[in-house]
N, C-alpha and C. Protein backbone atom coordinates (compact mmCIF):
# COMPACT_ATOMS: atom_id res chain seq x y z
N MET A 1 -2.37 13.95 8.02
CA MET A 1 -1.83 13.08 7.02
C MET A 1 -2.93 12.75 6.11
N LYS A 2 -2.60 12.70 4.94
CA LYS A 2 -3.56 12.41 3.79
C LYS A 2 -3.70 10.83 3.76
N LYS A 3 -4.98 10.37 3.50
CA LYS A 3 -5.15 8.96 3.47
C LYS A 3 -4.76 8.22 2.21
N TYR A 4 -3.83 7.29 2.40
CA TYR A 4 -3.34 6.55 1.29
C TYR A 4 -3.97 5.13 1.26
N GLU A 5 -4.47 4.73 0.05
CA GLU A 5 -5.24 3.45 0.00
C GLU A 5 -4.85 2.69 -1.30
N THR A 6 -4.57 1.37 -1.05
CA THR A 6 -4.46 0.47 -2.32
C THR A 6 -5.48 -0.55 -2.08
N ALA A 7 -5.48 -1.57 -3.01
CA ALA A 7 -6.52 -2.70 -2.89
C ALA A 7 -6.51 -3.43 -1.62
N GLU A 8 -5.15 -3.46 -1.00
CA GLU A 8 -4.98 -4.36 0.14
C GLU A 8 -4.78 -3.64 1.56
N LEU A 9 -4.41 -2.27 1.48
CA LEU A 9 -4.29 -1.60 2.66
C LEU A 9 -4.48 -0.18 2.57
N ARG A 10 -4.88 0.37 3.78
CA ARG A 10 -5.18 1.90 3.93
C ARG A 10 -4.40 2.37 5.04
N VAL A 11 -3.48 3.61 4.79
CA VAL A 11 -2.68 4.10 5.68
C VAL A 11 -3.25 5.69 5.98
N ASP A 12 -3.49 6.04 7.26
CA ASP A 12 -3.89 7.24 7.56
C ASP A 12 -3.48 7.63 8.98
N ASP A 13 -4.03 8.67 9.61
CA ASP A 13 -3.54 9.09 10.95
C ASP A 13 -3.82 7.97 12.11
N ALA A 14 -4.86 7.24 11.89
CA ALA A 14 -5.17 6.31 12.97
C ALA A 14 -4.12 5.03 12.90
N GLY A 15 -3.61 4.67 11.81
CA GLY A 15 -2.70 3.53 11.76
C GLY A 15 -2.84 2.90 10.38
N ILE A 16 -2.67 1.62 10.23
CA ILE A 16 -2.69 0.93 9.02
C ILE A 16 -3.85 -0.19 9.09
N ALA A 17 -4.87 0.01 8.08
CA ALA A 17 -5.87 -0.92 8.10
C ALA A 17 -5.74 -1.89 6.86
N LEU A 18 -5.89 -3.29 7.01
CA LEU A 18 -5.68 -4.11 6.00
C LEU A 18 -7.16 -4.34 5.35
N LEU A 19 -7.24 -4.43 4.11
CA LEU A 19 -8.48 -4.24 3.44
C LEU A 19 -8.71 -5.63 2.65
N ARG A 20 -10.06 -6.02 2.68
CA ARG A 20 -10.56 -7.00 1.72
C ARG A 20 -11.86 -6.49 1.05
N SER A 21 -11.76 -6.22 -0.23
CA SER A 21 -13.01 -5.62 -0.91
C SER A 21 -13.27 -4.22 -0.38
N ARG A 22 -12.33 -3.39 -0.11
CA ARG A 22 -12.51 -2.13 0.48
C ARG A 22 -12.93 -2.07 1.87
N TYR A 23 -13.15 -3.23 2.60
CA TYR A 23 -13.48 -3.21 3.93
C TYR A 23 -12.37 -3.51 4.94
N ALA A 24 -12.18 -2.90 5.90
CA ALA A 24 -11.02 -3.05 6.87
C ALA A 24 -11.23 -4.30 7.83
N TYR A 25 -10.52 -5.32 7.56
CA TYR A 25 -10.75 -6.53 8.37
C TYR A 25 -9.70 -6.67 9.55
N ARG A 26 -8.74 -5.84 9.50
CA ARG A 26 -7.87 -5.81 10.60
C ARG A 26 -7.13 -4.39 10.61
N LYS A 27 -6.95 -3.76 11.89
CA LYS A 27 -6.29 -2.52 12.00
C LYS A 27 -5.21 -2.54 13.02
N PHE A 28 -4.07 -1.77 12.52
CA PHE A 28 -2.97 -1.68 13.41
C PHE A 28 -2.70 -0.19 13.72
N SER A 29 -2.58 0.29 15.06
CA SER A 29 -2.18 1.54 15.34
C SER A 29 -0.64 1.48 15.11
N TYR A 30 -0.07 2.75 15.09
CA TYR A 30 1.39 2.94 15.05
C TYR A 30 2.14 2.34 16.14
N ASP A 31 1.46 2.27 17.34
CA ASP A 31 2.11 1.65 18.57
C ASP A 31 2.25 0.15 18.50
N GLU A 32 1.18 -0.41 17.92
CA GLU A 32 1.32 -1.96 17.81
C GLU A 32 2.22 -2.47 16.81
N ILE A 33 2.70 -1.66 15.85
CA ILE A 33 3.59 -2.14 14.87
C ILE A 33 5.03 -2.11 15.36
N ALA A 34 5.75 -3.25 15.23
CA ALA A 34 7.15 -3.39 15.67
C ALA A 34 8.13 -2.80 14.66
N GLU A 35 7.71 -3.14 13.28
CA GLU A 35 8.68 -2.61 12.25
C GLU A 35 8.02 -2.48 11.01
N LEU A 36 8.33 -1.51 10.11
CA LEU A 36 7.72 -1.34 8.84
C LEU A 36 8.96 -1.26 7.89
N GLN A 37 8.97 -2.15 6.79
CA GLN A 37 10.13 -2.17 5.87
C GLN A 37 9.43 -1.85 4.42
N ILE A 38 10.12 -1.11 3.71
CA ILE A 38 9.76 -0.82 2.44
C ILE A 38 10.99 -1.27 1.65
N ARG A 39 10.73 -2.30 0.69
CA ARG A 39 11.74 -2.84 -0.13
C ARG A 39 11.31 -3.27 -1.40
N ARG A 40 12.13 -3.75 -2.29
CA ARG A 40 11.65 -4.29 -3.69
C ARG A 40 11.43 -5.80 -3.17
N GLY A 41 10.41 -6.29 -3.60
CA GLY A 41 10.04 -7.69 -3.26
C GLY A 41 8.97 -8.34 -4.30
N SER A 42 8.77 -9.53 -4.19
CA SER A 42 7.82 -10.21 -4.93
C SER A 42 6.38 -9.71 -4.56
N LEU A 43 5.59 -9.73 -5.64
CA LEU A 43 4.16 -9.14 -5.40
C LEU A 43 3.26 -10.26 -4.94
N VAL A 44 3.73 -11.52 -5.00
CA VAL A 44 2.90 -12.66 -4.45
C VAL A 44 3.50 -13.13 -3.13
N ASN A 45 2.71 -13.68 -2.33
CA ASN A 45 3.30 -13.98 -0.92
C ASN A 45 4.31 -15.16 -0.83
N ASN A 46 4.01 -16.06 -1.90
CA ASN A 46 4.90 -17.35 -1.88
C ASN A 46 5.36 -17.47 -3.41
N PRO A 47 6.51 -16.75 -3.76
CA PRO A 47 6.71 -16.78 -5.21
C PRO A 47 7.27 -18.10 -5.60
N VAL A 48 8.01 -18.89 -4.74
CA VAL A 48 8.46 -20.19 -5.11
C VAL A 48 7.46 -21.13 -5.45
N ALA A 49 6.39 -21.21 -4.51
CA ALA A 49 5.28 -22.16 -4.75
C ALA A 49 4.49 -21.77 -6.10
N VAL A 50 4.29 -20.43 -6.36
CA VAL A 50 3.70 -20.12 -7.58
C VAL A 50 4.38 -20.39 -8.72
N GLY A 51 5.67 -20.12 -8.65
CA GLY A 51 6.70 -20.50 -9.88
C GLY A 51 6.63 -22.02 -10.12
N VAL A 52 6.64 -22.77 -9.10
CA VAL A 52 6.58 -24.29 -9.30
C VAL A 52 5.35 -24.63 -9.89
N MET A 53 4.16 -24.00 -9.49
CA MET A 53 2.96 -24.41 -10.13
C MET A 53 2.97 -23.91 -11.58
N GLY A 54 3.49 -22.87 -11.81
CA GLY A 54 3.48 -22.37 -13.28
C GLY A 54 4.31 -23.26 -14.19
N VAL A 55 5.58 -23.76 -13.59
CA VAL A 55 6.44 -24.78 -14.44
C VAL A 55 5.74 -25.99 -14.55
N GLY A 56 5.11 -26.46 -13.49
CA GLY A 56 4.27 -27.76 -13.65
C GLY A 56 3.18 -27.67 -14.56
N LEU A 57 2.50 -26.59 -14.73
CA LEU A 57 1.36 -26.47 -15.77
C LEU A 57 1.99 -26.36 -17.03
N ILE A 58 3.04 -25.66 -17.28
CA ILE A 58 3.56 -25.71 -18.51
C ILE A 58 4.09 -27.05 -18.98
N ALA A 59 4.76 -27.76 -18.06
CA ALA A 59 5.22 -29.01 -18.34
C ALA A 59 4.13 -29.98 -18.62
N ALA A 60 2.97 -29.93 -17.86
CA ALA A 60 1.70 -30.66 -18.14
C ALA A 60 1.18 -30.55 -19.60
N GLY A 61 1.19 -29.19 -20.02
CA GLY A 61 0.69 -28.76 -21.36
C GLY A 61 1.62 -29.41 -22.42
N PHE A 62 2.98 -29.35 -22.25
CA PHE A 62 3.86 -29.84 -23.16
C PHE A 62 3.73 -31.45 -23.30
N TYR A 63 3.52 -32.05 -22.16
CA TYR A 63 3.42 -33.51 -22.01
C TYR A 63 2.17 -33.96 -22.68
N ILE A 64 1.18 -33.35 -22.50
CA ILE A 64 -0.18 -33.64 -23.07
C ILE A 64 -0.15 -33.43 -24.59
N ALA A 65 0.50 -32.40 -25.01
CA ALA A 65 0.53 -31.99 -26.46
C ALA A 65 1.57 -32.96 -27.09
N ASN A 66 2.60 -33.38 -26.36
CA ASN A 66 3.49 -34.46 -26.99
C ASN A 66 3.05 -35.81 -27.15
N MET A 67 1.92 -36.24 -26.11
CA MET A 67 1.35 -37.46 -26.27
C MET A 67 0.48 -37.58 -27.58
N PHE A 68 -0.03 -36.60 -27.98
CA PHE A 68 -0.97 -36.66 -29.16
C PHE A 68 -0.38 -35.98 -30.29
N SER A 69 0.89 -35.68 -30.39
CA SER A 69 1.58 -35.20 -31.56
C SER A 69 1.71 -36.22 -32.66
N PRO A 70 1.90 -37.47 -32.41
CA PRO A 70 2.12 -38.38 -33.55
C PRO A 70 0.81 -38.73 -34.28
N LEU A 71 -0.26 -38.01 -34.00
CA LEU A 71 -1.51 -38.23 -34.64
C LEU A 71 -1.48 -37.59 -36.04
N ASN A 72 -1.02 -38.38 -37.06
CA ASN A 72 -1.06 -37.90 -38.34
C ASN A 72 -2.16 -38.58 -39.18
N VAL A 73 -3.36 -38.50 -38.53
CA VAL A 73 -4.54 -39.17 -39.26
C VAL A 73 -5.21 -38.04 -39.96
N MET A 74 -5.97 -38.31 -40.84
CA MET A 74 -6.87 -37.48 -41.55
C MET A 74 -8.26 -37.37 -40.85
N ASP A 75 -8.99 -36.26 -41.12
CA ASP A 75 -10.27 -36.14 -40.72
C ASP A 75 -11.16 -37.26 -40.99
N ALA A 76 -11.05 -37.83 -42.14
CA ALA A 76 -12.04 -38.92 -42.47
C ALA A 76 -11.73 -40.11 -41.59
N GLN A 77 -10.50 -40.33 -41.15
CA GLN A 77 -10.26 -41.46 -40.25
C GLN A 77 -10.59 -41.10 -38.92
N LEU A 78 -10.48 -39.90 -38.42
CA LEU A 78 -11.05 -39.53 -37.06
C LEU A 78 -12.47 -39.53 -36.77
N GLY A 79 -13.28 -39.21 -38.01
CA GLY A 79 -14.61 -39.09 -37.84
C GLY A 79 -15.02 -37.74 -37.12
N PHE A 80 -16.28 -37.51 -37.03
CA PHE A 80 -16.73 -36.16 -36.45
C PHE A 80 -16.24 -36.17 -34.90
N ARG A 81 -16.54 -37.21 -34.21
CA ARG A 81 -16.19 -37.11 -32.70
C ARG A 81 -14.75 -37.02 -32.43
N GLY A 82 -13.80 -37.68 -33.29
CA GLY A 82 -12.52 -37.57 -32.99
C GLY A 82 -11.98 -36.20 -33.31
N GLY A 83 -12.46 -35.65 -34.35
CA GLY A 83 -12.04 -34.38 -34.61
C GLY A 83 -12.42 -33.28 -33.55
N LYS A 84 -13.74 -33.43 -32.95
CA LYS A 84 -14.17 -32.66 -31.92
C LYS A 84 -13.30 -32.89 -30.73
N ALA A 85 -12.87 -34.06 -30.35
CA ALA A 85 -12.14 -34.34 -29.15
C ALA A 85 -10.71 -33.90 -29.30
N LEU A 86 -10.17 -33.81 -30.56
CA LEU A 86 -8.90 -33.19 -30.75
C LEU A 86 -8.94 -31.73 -30.63
N GLY A 87 -10.14 -31.07 -31.02
CA GLY A 87 -10.24 -29.58 -30.82
C GLY A 87 -10.29 -29.25 -29.30
N TYR A 88 -11.05 -30.12 -28.62
CA TYR A 88 -11.06 -29.80 -27.14
C TYR A 88 -9.67 -29.99 -26.54
N LEU A 89 -8.91 -30.89 -26.93
CA LEU A 89 -7.59 -31.24 -26.49
C LEU A 89 -6.56 -29.98 -26.85
N ILE A 90 -6.78 -29.48 -27.91
CA ILE A 90 -5.94 -28.24 -28.36
C ILE A 90 -6.42 -27.01 -27.28
N PHE A 91 -7.59 -26.91 -26.91
CA PHE A 91 -7.92 -25.96 -26.03
C PHE A 91 -7.40 -26.17 -24.63
N LEU A 92 -7.37 -27.44 -24.33
CA LEU A 92 -6.93 -27.90 -23.04
C LEU A 92 -5.51 -27.51 -22.80
N VAL A 93 -4.62 -27.86 -24.05
CA VAL A 93 -3.22 -27.61 -23.89
C VAL A 93 -2.92 -26.14 -23.99
N PHE A 94 -3.62 -25.33 -24.88
CA PHE A 94 -3.47 -23.87 -24.90
C PHE A 94 -3.79 -23.33 -23.52
N GLY A 95 -4.89 -23.83 -22.83
CA GLY A 95 -5.25 -23.10 -21.46
C GLY A 95 -4.13 -23.53 -20.45
N LEU A 96 -3.64 -24.69 -20.50
CA LEU A 96 -2.51 -25.03 -19.51
C LEU A 96 -1.17 -24.15 -19.78
N LEU A 97 -0.89 -24.08 -20.98
CA LEU A 97 0.33 -23.25 -21.37
C LEU A 97 0.08 -21.78 -20.91
N CYS A 98 -1.02 -21.23 -21.27
CA CYS A 98 -1.19 -19.83 -20.94
C CYS A 98 -1.36 -19.56 -19.39
N PHE A 99 -2.04 -20.51 -18.65
CA PHE A 99 -2.21 -20.25 -17.31
C PHE A 99 -0.81 -20.41 -16.52
N GLY A 100 -0.18 -21.56 -16.93
CA GLY A 100 1.25 -21.67 -16.39
C GLY A 100 2.11 -20.50 -16.69
N GLY A 101 2.13 -19.87 -17.84
CA GLY A 101 2.90 -18.81 -18.19
C GLY A 101 2.57 -17.62 -17.30
N ILE A 102 1.24 -17.44 -16.95
CA ILE A 102 0.81 -16.33 -16.22
C ILE A 102 1.39 -16.41 -14.92
N LEU A 103 1.28 -17.69 -14.24
CA LEU A 103 1.78 -18.01 -13.03
C LEU A 103 3.22 -17.77 -12.87
N LEU A 104 3.91 -18.27 -13.86
CA LEU A 104 5.48 -18.00 -13.96
C LEU A 104 5.85 -16.64 -14.01
N TYR A 105 5.07 -15.74 -14.74
CA TYR A 105 5.32 -14.27 -14.79
C TYR A 105 5.05 -13.59 -13.44
N LYS A 106 3.98 -14.02 -12.81
CA LYS A 106 3.61 -13.51 -11.50
C LYS A 106 4.71 -13.69 -10.53
N SER A 107 5.30 -14.95 -10.63
CA SER A 107 6.28 -15.30 -9.43
C SER A 107 7.62 -14.59 -9.62
N VAL A 108 7.85 -14.13 -10.92
CA VAL A 108 9.18 -13.33 -10.93
C VAL A 108 8.88 -11.77 -10.94
N GLN A 109 7.63 -11.38 -10.94
CA GLN A 109 7.33 -9.90 -10.93
C GLN A 109 7.71 -9.19 -9.63
N ARG A 110 8.36 -8.24 -9.66
CA ARG A 110 8.94 -7.51 -8.39
C ARG A 110 8.57 -6.02 -8.52
N ASP A 111 8.27 -5.49 -7.33
CA ASP A 111 7.90 -4.08 -7.26
C ASP A 111 8.30 -3.73 -5.69
N PHE A 112 7.88 -2.40 -5.40
CA PHE A 112 7.93 -1.93 -4.04
C PHE A 112 6.95 -2.65 -3.13
N VAL A 113 7.26 -3.09 -1.96
CA VAL A 113 6.36 -3.73 -1.14
C VAL A 113 6.52 -3.16 0.23
N LEU A 114 5.54 -3.04 1.10
CA LEU A 114 5.55 -2.54 2.46
C LEU A 114 5.35 -3.88 3.38
N VAL A 115 6.46 -4.18 4.13
CA VAL A 115 6.53 -5.30 5.02
C VAL A 115 6.06 -4.82 6.42
N ILE A 116 4.87 -5.38 6.95
CA ILE A 116 4.39 -5.01 8.22
C ILE A 116 4.80 -6.07 9.31
N ARG A 117 5.48 -5.89 10.25
CA ARG A 117 5.77 -6.67 11.41
C ARG A 117 5.07 -6.21 12.63
N ALA A 118 4.30 -7.04 13.29
CA ALA A 118 3.64 -6.87 14.55
C ALA A 118 3.77 -8.05 15.41
N GLU A 119 3.24 -8.02 16.56
CA GLU A 119 3.31 -9.29 17.51
C GLU A 119 2.50 -10.35 16.70
N ALA A 120 3.28 -11.41 16.37
CA ALA A 120 2.78 -12.66 15.84
C ALA A 120 2.09 -12.40 14.39
N PHE A 121 2.66 -11.40 13.65
CA PHE A 121 2.15 -10.97 12.33
C PHE A 121 3.20 -10.52 11.43
N LYS A 122 3.48 -11.01 10.24
CA LYS A 122 4.33 -10.43 9.25
C LYS A 122 3.81 -10.75 7.96
N LYS A 123 3.62 -9.71 7.16
CA LYS A 123 3.01 -9.77 5.84
C LYS A 123 3.41 -8.71 5.04
N SER A 124 3.64 -8.94 3.63
CA SER A 124 3.97 -7.82 2.70
C SER A 124 2.93 -7.44 1.86
N TYR A 125 2.81 -6.19 1.55
CA TYR A 125 1.62 -5.60 0.60
C TYR A 125 2.29 -4.75 -0.36
N PRO A 126 1.89 -5.00 -1.61
CA PRO A 126 2.55 -4.31 -2.77
C PRO A 126 2.10 -2.79 -2.79
N LEU A 127 3.03 -1.91 -3.24
CA LEU A 127 2.76 -0.64 -3.46
C LEU A 127 2.65 -0.15 -4.81
N THR A 128 2.24 -0.97 -5.70
CA THR A 128 2.31 -0.76 -7.13
C THR A 128 1.30 0.36 -7.43
N GLU A 129 0.18 0.35 -6.83
CA GLU A 129 -0.85 1.43 -7.13
C GLU A 129 -0.44 2.79 -6.76
N LEU A 130 0.40 2.90 -5.63
CA LEU A 130 0.84 4.30 -5.23
C LEU A 130 1.88 4.68 -6.19
N ARG A 131 2.85 3.81 -6.63
CA ARG A 131 3.88 4.16 -7.61
C ARG A 131 3.42 4.60 -8.89
N ARG A 132 2.20 3.81 -9.42
CA ARG A 132 1.58 4.24 -10.67
C ARG A 132 0.89 5.56 -10.63
N ASN A 133 0.28 5.95 -9.50
CA ASN A 133 -0.33 7.16 -9.35
C ASN A 133 0.53 8.30 -8.90
N GLY A 134 1.75 7.97 -8.81
CA GLY A 134 2.83 9.07 -8.47
C GLY A 134 2.75 9.58 -7.07
N GLU A 135 2.16 8.73 -6.15
CA GLU A 135 2.02 9.09 -4.63
C GLU A 135 2.91 8.48 -3.71
N LEU A 136 3.86 7.71 -4.38
CA LEU A 136 4.82 6.98 -3.65
C LEU A 136 5.80 7.81 -2.63
N ASP A 137 6.37 8.85 -3.27
CA ASP A 137 7.25 9.75 -2.49
C ASP A 137 6.41 10.40 -1.41
N ASN A 138 5.32 10.93 -1.62
CA ASN A 138 4.46 11.58 -0.66
C ASN A 138 4.03 10.53 0.38
N PHE A 139 3.89 9.39 0.06
CA PHE A 139 3.40 8.30 0.96
C PHE A 139 4.55 7.96 1.87
N LEU A 140 5.87 7.79 1.33
CA LEU A 140 7.01 7.51 2.14
C LEU A 140 7.29 8.76 3.18
N LEU A 141 7.15 9.80 2.72
CA LEU A 141 7.39 11.07 3.65
C LEU A 141 6.47 11.08 4.88
N ALA A 142 5.00 10.86 4.52
CA ALA A 142 4.08 10.94 5.53
C ALA A 142 4.19 9.58 6.35
N LEU A 143 4.61 8.57 5.94
CA LEU A 143 4.65 7.25 6.82
C LEU A 143 5.94 7.43 7.65
N GLN A 144 6.95 8.13 7.19
CA GLN A 144 8.29 8.21 8.01
C GLN A 144 7.81 9.27 9.07
N GLU A 145 7.08 10.29 8.84
CA GLU A 145 6.71 11.21 9.87
C GLU A 145 5.78 10.59 10.99
N LYS A 146 5.10 9.65 10.55
CA LYS A 146 4.07 8.93 11.58
C LYS A 146 4.89 7.78 12.23
N ALA A 147 5.58 6.99 11.43
CA ALA A 147 6.05 5.72 12.12
C ALA A 147 7.44 6.00 12.86
N GLY A 148 8.08 7.08 12.34
CA GLY A 148 9.56 7.39 12.85
C GLY A 148 10.49 6.33 12.64
N ASP A 149 11.15 5.85 13.80
CA ASP A 149 12.19 4.85 13.72
C ASP A 149 11.81 3.55 13.17
N LYS A 150 10.45 3.15 13.20
CA LYS A 150 10.02 1.91 12.95
C LYS A 150 10.08 1.60 11.33
N LEU A 151 10.39 2.64 10.63
CA LEU A 151 10.19 2.67 9.17
C LEU A 151 11.72 2.37 8.74
N THR A 152 11.94 1.32 7.89
CA THR A 152 13.25 1.06 7.29
C THR A 152 13.04 0.94 5.86
N LEU A 153 13.94 1.80 5.04
CA LEU A 153 13.90 1.64 3.68
C LEU A 153 15.07 0.83 3.22
N LEU A 154 14.70 -0.34 2.62
CA LEU A 154 15.76 -1.31 2.18
C LEU A 154 16.04 -1.28 0.70
N THR A 155 15.71 -0.23 0.08
CA THR A 155 15.81 -0.08 -1.41
C THR A 155 16.76 1.10 -1.65
N ARG A 156 17.61 0.85 -2.53
CA ARG A 156 18.58 1.96 -2.88
C ARG A 156 17.94 2.96 -3.72
N GLU A 157 17.01 2.67 -4.56
CA GLU A 157 16.29 3.76 -5.35
C GLU A 157 15.50 4.65 -4.58
N LEU A 158 15.00 4.17 -3.34
CA LEU A 158 14.24 5.15 -2.49
C LEU A 158 15.06 5.91 -1.71
N ILE A 159 16.20 5.38 -1.20
CA ILE A 159 17.16 6.03 -0.34
C ILE A 159 17.83 7.24 -1.05
N LEU A 160 18.17 7.03 -2.35
CA LEU A 160 18.80 8.05 -3.17
C LEU A 160 17.92 9.33 -3.41
N LYS A 161 16.70 9.17 -3.35
CA LYS A 161 15.79 10.19 -3.67
C LYS A 161 15.92 11.32 -2.66
């Protein structure tokens, strides 16, 4: 079997290794794994919490921007320090809105994920890198050969191929 590797996991003949910075911190042999699922799912582990944080940051940005919107004063009235503070405030609001938007986008982003279930362990790992490299079909065939009945495809796009 060819070695398939993403940023978070590596699959080869020995089993599945979970990676951090390309270092295997946990390894599962195919005998230890209870079930493998490939489905379309969220790329983040807790999409509801990430979405709520994104909406909260966007709301905070709009709230802060709305607090200072009635400032219809001229630069002469603000003075040098007031104008500088207003500039910092604009950057703060812009940062909150951008970061909240990124979190909200990440919470709704979906792609193929591999769900690994073992004894007292269940986690999903995105297969985006394999799909972008065009290796997803070969990966599925090789994984089905190794895992056998433990592999379940829960995505209509993959089953029809």
